[in-house]
Amino acid sequence: MANIISDETIEYVGILAKLELSDEEKEAAKQDMGRMLDYIDKLNELDTTGVEPMSHVFPVTNVFREDVVTNGDERDKILLNAPEQKDGAFKVPKTVE
């Protein structure tokens, strides 16, 4: 394992994640993080010359649809659900003094 994770790093990650780790959990996390970094190092050994960077595995075209209104103006039907209404809007109790 070429990547050695320090106790300080594990403490810092635990603080960031708001975790209280036991000594056994800290040791297991150190080993897990070391294995992850070793795997990343292994991936860095791959020859990627001629491989174009991509953001998606599959080709993605414009996935946005046209913004079309389908339900129209149904304010009156929606306001039928309101216990109280005023001037075409829901009337709610005042929450700020």
C-alpha atoms as a PDB file:
ATOM      1  CA  MET A   1       0.000   0.000   0.000  1.00  0.00           C
ATOM      2  CA  ALA A   2       1.873   3.044  -1.274  1.00  0.00           C
ATOM      3  CA  ASN A   3      -0.697   5.553  -0.018  1.00  0.00           C
ATOM      4  CA  ILE A   4      -0.509   5.855   3.742  1.00  0.00           C
ATOM      5  CA  ILE A   5      -3.300   7.844   5.358  1.00  0.00           C
ATOM      6  CA  SER A   6      -2.347   9.596   8.586  1.00  0.00           C
ATOM      7  CA  ASP A   7      -4.360   9.587  11.784  1.00  0.00           C
ATOM      8  CA  GLU A   8      -4.764  13.347  11.415  1.00  0.00           C
ATOM      9  CA  THR A   9      -6.377  12.875   7.996  1.00  0.00           C
ATOM     10  CA  ILE A  10      -8.866  10.373   9.402  1.00  0.00           C
ATOM     11  CA  GLU A  11      -9.651  12.720  12.304  1.00  0.00           C
ATOM     12  CA  TYR A  12     -10.187  15.602   9.877  1.00  0.00           C
ATOM     13  CA  VAL A  13     -12.448  13.554   7.593  1.00  0.00           C
ATOM     14  CA  GLY A  14     -14.404  12.408  10.645  1.00  0.00           C
ATOM     15  CA  ILE A  15     -14.895  16.012  11.726  1.00  0.00           C
ATOM     16  CA  LEU A  16     -16.017  17.045   8.244  1.00  0.00           C
ATOM     17  CA  ALA A  17     -18.451  14.128   8.075  1.00  0.00           C
ATOM     18  CA  LYS A  18     -19.595  14.794  11.652  1.00  0.00           C
ATOM     19  CA  LEU A  19     -18.758  11.202  12.646  1.00  0.00           C
ATOM     20  CA  GLU A  20     -17.491   9.872  15.915  1.00  0.00           C
ATOM     21  CA  LEU A  21     -15.320   6.907  15.009  1.00  0.00           C
ATOM     22  CA  SER A  22     -13.956   4.280  17.344  1.00  0.00           C
ATOM     23  CA  ASP A  23     -10.285   3.318  17.085  1.00  0.00           C
ATOM     24  CA  GLU A  24     -11.236   0.190  15.103  1.00  0.00           C
ATOM     25  CA  GLU A  25     -13.374   2.216  12.710  1.00  0.00           C
ATOM     26  CA  LYS A  26     -10.567   4.735  12.234  1.00  0.00           C
ATOM     27  CA  GLU A  27      -8.134   1.948  11.405  1.00  0.00           C
ATOM     28  CA  ALA A  28     -10.605   0.390   8.948  1.00  0.00           C
ATOM     29  CA  ALA A  29     -11.209   3.811   7.344  1.00  0.00           C
ATOM     30  CA  LYS A  30      -7.449   4.334   6.957  1.00  0.00           C
ATOM     31  CA  GLN A  31      -7.125   1.006   5.168  1.00  0.00           C
ATOM     32  CA  ASP A  32     -10.169   1.688   2.960  1.00  0.00           C
ATOM     33  CA  MET A  33      -8.897   5.137   1.974  1.00  0.00           C
ATOM     34  CA  GLY A  34      -5.467   3.701   1.246  1.00  0.00           C
ATOM     35  CA  ARG A  35      -6.990   1.042  -1.024  1.00  0.00           C
ATOM     36  CA  MET A  36      -9.028   3.707  -2.842  1.00  0.00           C
ATOM     37  CA  LEU A  37      -5.934   5.823  -3.462  1.00  0.00           C
ATOM     38  CA  ASP A  38      -3.993   2.744  -4.599  1.00  0.00           C
ATOM     39  CA  TYR A  39      -6.750   2.007  -7.117  1.00  0.00           C
ATOM     40  CA  ILE A  40      -6.634   5.577  -8.396  1.00  0.00           C
ATOM     41  CA  ASP A  41      -2.868   5.230  -8.803  1.00  0.00           C
ATOM     42  CA  LYS A  42      -3.463   2.030 -10.747  1.00  0.00           C
ATOM     43  CA  LEU A  43      -5.916   3.834 -13.035  1.00  0.00           C
ATOM     44  CA  ASN A  44      -3.334   6.591 -13.592  1.00  0.00           C
ATOM     45  CA  GLU A  45      -1.000   3.963 -15.072  1.00  0.00           C
ATOM     46  CA  LEU A  46      -3.382   3.364 -17.988  1.00  0.00           C
ATOM     47  CA  ASP A  47      -2.312   4.642 -21.381  1.00  0.00           C
ATOM     48  CA  THR A  48      -5.058   7.041 -22.419  1.00  0.00           C
ATOM     49  CA  THR A  49      -3.353   8.589 -25.432  1.00  0.00           C
ATOM     50  CA  GLY A  50      -5.866   8.990 -28.203  1.00  0.00           C
ATOM     51  CA  VAL A  51      -8.816   8.661 -25.836  1.00  0.00           C
ATOM     52  CA  GLU A  52     -11.003  11.720 -25.939  1.00  0.00           C
ATOM     53  CA  PRO A  53     -12.285  13.058 -22.614  1.00  0.00           C
ATOM     54  CA  MET A  54     -16.017  12.668 -22.155  1.00  0.00           C
ATOM     55  CA  SER A  55     -18.644  13.683 -19.676  1.00  0.00           C
ATOM     56  CA  HIS A  56     -20.988  10.762 -20.439  1.00  0.00           C
ATOM     57  CA  VAL A  57     -20.420   7.187 -21.474  1.00  0.00           C
ATOM     58  CA  PHE A  58     -23.204   7.352 -24.052  1.00  0.00           C
ATOM     59  CA  PRO A  59     -23.651  10.196 -26.526  1.00  0.00           C
ATOM     60  CA  VAL A  60     -26.067  12.717 -25.087  1.00  0.00           C
ATOM     61  CA  THR A  61     -28.016  15.166 -27.166  1.00  0.00           C
ATOM     62  CA  ASN A  62     -30.274  17.933 -25.953  1.00  0.00           C
ATOM     63  CA  VAL A  63     -32.372  16.218 -23.310  1.00  0.00           C
ATOM     64  CA  PHE A  64     -34.472  19.268 -22.559  1.00  0.00           C
ATOM     65  CA  ARG A  65     -38.057  19.321 -23.737  1.00  0.00           C
ATOM     66  CA  GLU A  66     -40.001  22.319 -24.882  1.00  0.00           C
ATOM     67  CA  ASP A  67     -41.560  24.193 -21.996  1.00  0.00           C
ATOM     68  CA  VAL A  68     -45.218  23.767 -22.844  1.00  0.00           C
ATOM     69  CA  VAL A  69     -48.024  24.616 -20.444  1.00  0.00           C
ATOM     70  CA  THR A  70     -50.316  21.607 -20.188  1.00  0.00           C
ATOM     71  CA  ASN A  71     -52.677  22.481 -17.365  1.00  0.00           C
ATOM     72  CA  GLY A  72     -53.397  26.106 -18.232  1.00  0.00           C
ATOM     73  CA  ASP A  73     -54.876  28.581 -15.796  1.00  0.00           C
ATOM     74  CA  GLU A  74     -56.713  26.552 -13.168  1.00  0.00           C
ATOM     75  CA  ARG A  75     -56.488  29.066 -10.340  1.00  0.00           C
ATOM     76  CA  ASP A  76     -60.168  28.770  -9.471  1.00  0.00           C
ATOM     77  CA  LYS A  77     -59.989  24.970  -9.240  1.00  0.00           C
ATOM     78  CA  ILE A  78     -56.837  25.152  -7.115  1.00  0.00           C
ATOM     79  CA  LEU A  79     -58.334  27.729  -4.775  1.00  0.00           C
ATOM     80  CA  LEU A  80     -61.234  25.362  -4.089  1.00  0.00           C
ATOM     81  CA  ASN A  81     -58.735  23.468  -1.878  1.00  0.00           C
ATOM     82  CA  ALA A  82     -57.950  26.553   0.189  1.00  0.00           C
ATOM     83  CA  PRO A  83     -59.588  26.788   3.623  1.00  0.00           C
ATOM     84  CA  GLU A  84     -59.508  30.574   3.154  1.00  0.00           C
ATOM     85  CA  GLN A  85     -58.749  32.735   0.150  1.00  0.00           C
ATOM     86  CA  LYS A  86     -58.413  36.421  -0.510  1.00  0.00           C
ATOM     87  CA  ASP A  87     -57.969  38.287  -3.803  1.00  0.00           C
ATOM     88  CA  GLY A  88     -57.395  35.074  -5.781  1.00  0.00           C
ATOM     89  CA  ALA A  89     -54.718  33.669  -3.439  1.00  0.00           C
ATOM     90  CA  PHE A  90     -54.434  31.388  -0.426  1.00  0.00           C
ATOM     91  CA  LYS A  91     -54.936  33.240   2.839  1.00  0.00           C
ATOM     92  CA  VAL A  92     -52.654  31.992   5.599  1.00  0.00           C
ATOM     93  CA  PRO A  93     -52.140  33.010   9.202  1.00  0.00           C
ATOM     94  CA  LYS A  94     -49.539  35.673   9.871  1.00  0.00           C
ATOM     95  CA  THR A  95     -46.305  34.014  11.025  1.00  0.00           C
ATOM     96  CA  VAL A  96     -44.020  37.009  11.594  1.00  0.00           C
ATOM     97  CA  GLU A  97     -44.771  39.649  14.175  1.00  0.00           C
END
